[in-house]
Amino acid sequence: MNPVALILNPEFGQGVERIAREMPVWVLSSPTNDVAVEETRRKFKGAIDVTSFVPRRAGDRSATCAQALYDIDEHHGPWSSSRPYNELRIFGVSEADLPLDVLDELGLAPAESRGSALILHKHPGLHVAAR
């Protein structure tokens, strides 16, 4: 598996480091998360892949999730990586908040819940052009 994590919980904080040890992580910017991201980057001196992002439409979980999904697909998909992602672990969003049209467009399907994460699998061969 080539997983990528998406953290949409603004209070995730120190959990960022644990996940960043295992896979690339995209983290919703917030005061709590920003401190954890900076501490993790400092501790690992850039040897890990942690991206912090600011939502374009604050307060709209579905739109924020969609924005992040497109960005992740662009940066970790087959046109950007020799080992494209095939699993996405999302923290801080319920299945009801997932933008189903975007999931369908990107070839992502909810597979299971594991702890506090929703696990989505990427269907091989289904990719959209970079936006």
Protein backbone atom coordinates (compact mmCIF):
# COMPACT_ATOMS: atom_id res chain seq x y z
CA MET A 1 0.00 0.00 0.00
CA ASN A 2 1.03 3.59 -0.65
CA PRO A 3 -1.12 5.51 1.82
CA VAL A 4 -1.51 9.25 2.29
CA ALA A 5 -3.20 10.80 5.33
CA LEU A 6 -5.55 13.78 5.36
CA ILE A 7 -6.16 15.44 8.71
CA LEU A 8 -9.23 17.68 8.80
CA ASN A 9 -9.54 17.79 12.59
CA PRO A 10 -8.34 21.26 13.67
CA GLU A 11 -7.41 19.88 17.11
CA PHE A 12 -5.42 16.84 15.93
CA GLY A 13 -2.17 18.31 17.23
CA GLN A 14 0.56 15.91 18.36
CA GLY A 15 -0.93 12.97 16.44
CA VAL A 16 0.58 14.52 13.30
CA GLU A 17 4.04 13.22 14.19
CA ARG A 18 2.87 9.63 14.70
CA ILE A 19 1.19 9.53 11.29
CA ALA A 20 3.99 11.42 9.51
CA ARG A 21 6.43 8.66 10.51
CA GLU A 22 4.38 6.25 8.36
CA MET A 23 3.16 8.22 5.33
CA PRO A 24 2.81 11.65 3.72
CA VAL A 25 0.34 13.83 5.64
CA TRP A 26 -1.84 16.76 4.59
CA VAL A 27 -2.96 18.77 7.63
CA LEU A 28 -5.67 21.40 7.98
CA SER A 29 -4.02 24.57 9.24
CA SER A 30 -5.15 25.65 12.73
CA PRO A 31 -3.32 27.03 15.76
CA THR A 32 -3.06 23.55 17.33
CA ASN A 33 -2.10 21.74 14.14
CA ASP A 34 0.36 24.41 13.01
CA VAL A 35 2.40 23.97 16.22
CA ALA A 36 2.44 20.18 15.74
CA VAL A 37 3.44 20.50 12.07
CA GLU A 38 6.34 22.84 12.87
CA GLU A 39 7.54 20.62 15.75
CA THR A 40 7.39 17.54 13.51
CA ARG A 41 9.26 19.26 10.68
CA ARG A 42 11.91 20.51 13.10
CA LYS A 43 12.32 17.09 14.73
CA PHE A 44 12.73 15.24 11.42
CA LYS A 45 14.65 18.02 9.65
CA GLY A 46 12.60 17.75 6.46
CA ALA A 47 12.97 13.97 6.16
CA ILE A 48 9.20 13.54 6.23
CA ASP A 49 6.38 14.74 3.99
CA VAL A 50 3.99 17.04 5.88
CA THR A 51 1.87 19.60 4.03
CA SER A 52 -0.25 22.17 5.84
CA PHE A 53 -3.12 23.79 3.95
CA VAL A 54 -5.64 26.57 4.53
CA PRO A 55 -9.21 25.92 3.36
CA ARG A 56 -10.58 28.19 0.67
CA ARG A 57 -14.05 28.10 2.27
CA ALA A 58 -13.63 27.96 6.04
CA GLY A 59 -16.39 26.16 7.88
CA ASP A 60 -17.51 24.03 4.93
CA ARG A 61 -16.15 20.54 5.73
CA SER A 62 -17.24 19.03 2.44
CA ALA A 63 -15.64 21.82 0.36
CA THR A 64 -12.45 21.65 2.45
CA CYS A 65 -12.31 17.89 1.98
CA ALA A 66 -12.87 18.25 -1.79
CA GLN A 67 -10.11 20.87 -2.06
CA ALA A 68 -7.67 18.59 -0.22
CA LEU A 69 -8.66 15.52 -2.25
CA TYR A 70 -7.91 17.28 -5.54
CA ASP A 71 -4.58 18.59 -4.20
CA ILE A 72 -3.55 15.17 -2.87
CA ASP A 73 -4.48 13.51 -6.15
CA GLU A 74 -2.43 16.08 -8.06
CA HIS A 75 0.65 15.78 -5.82
CA HIS A 76 0.59 12.04 -5.09
CA GLY A 77 -1.02 10.70 -8.27
CA PRO A 78 0.69 8.93 -11.17
CA TRP A 79 1.78 12.15 -12.93
CA SER A 80 3.67 13.28 -9.82
CA SER A 81 4.96 10.07 -8.31
CA SER A 82 6.54 6.84 -9.48
CA ARG A 83 4.63 5.16 -6.62
CA PRO A 84 1.21 6.86 -6.65
CA TYR A 85 -1.01 6.63 -3.61
CA ASN A 86 -3.66 3.91 -3.52
CA GLU A 87 -5.07 4.45 -0.05
CA LEU A 88 -6.23 7.61 1.69
CA ARG A 89 -6.75 7.80 5.46
CA ILE A 90 -8.94 10.73 6.48
CA PHE A 91 -9.13 11.95 10.08
CA GLY A 92 -11.68 14.47 11.34
CA VAL A 93 -14.56 14.04 8.92
CA SER A 94 -17.60 11.78 8.94
CA GLU A 95 -18.56 9.67 5.96
CA ALA A 96 -21.62 11.94 5.55
CA ASP A 97 -19.28 14.92 4.93
CA LEU A 98 -17.37 13.22 2.12
CA PRO A 99 -17.95 14.87 -1.29
CA LEU A 100 -19.22 11.79 -3.13
CA ASP A 101 -19.01 13.42 -6.57
CA VAL A 102 -15.32 14.18 -6.01
CA LEU A 103 -14.64 10.68 -4.69
CA ASP A 104 -16.26 9.23 -7.79
CA GLU A 105 -14.33 11.56 -10.11
CA LEU A 106 -11.00 10.66 -8.47
CA GLY A 107 -11.71 6.93 -8.33
CA LEU A 108 -11.84 6.81 -4.53
CA ALA A 109 -14.20 4.55 -2.62
CA PRO A 110 -14.80 4.38 1.13
CA ALA A 111 -13.59 0.97 2.29
CA GLU A 112 -13.72 0.93 6.09
CA SER A 113 -13.31 2.83 9.33
CA ARG A 114 -10.17 2.11 11.30
CA GLY A 115 -10.01 3.82 14.68
CA SER A 116 -10.66 7.50 14.05
CA ALA A 117 -9.79 7.25 10.34
CA LEU A 118 -11.95 6.70 7.30
CA ILE A 119 -10.03 4.55 4.83
CA LEU A 120 -10.58 5.12 1.11
CA HIS A 121 -9.08 3.03 -1.66
CA LYS A 122 -8.02 4.39 -5.03
CA HIS A 123 -9.18 2.33 -7.98
CA PRO A 124 -6.25 1.55 -10.29
CA GLY A 125 -6.36 3.31 -13.61
CA LEU A 126 -8.85 5.98 -12.56
CA HIS A 127 -7.12 9.36 -12.54
CA VAL A 128 -8.20 12.86 -13.45
CA ALA A 129 -5.99 15.37 -15.16
CA ALA A 130 -4.19 17.73 -12.83
CA ARG A 131 -6.26 20.81 -12.09
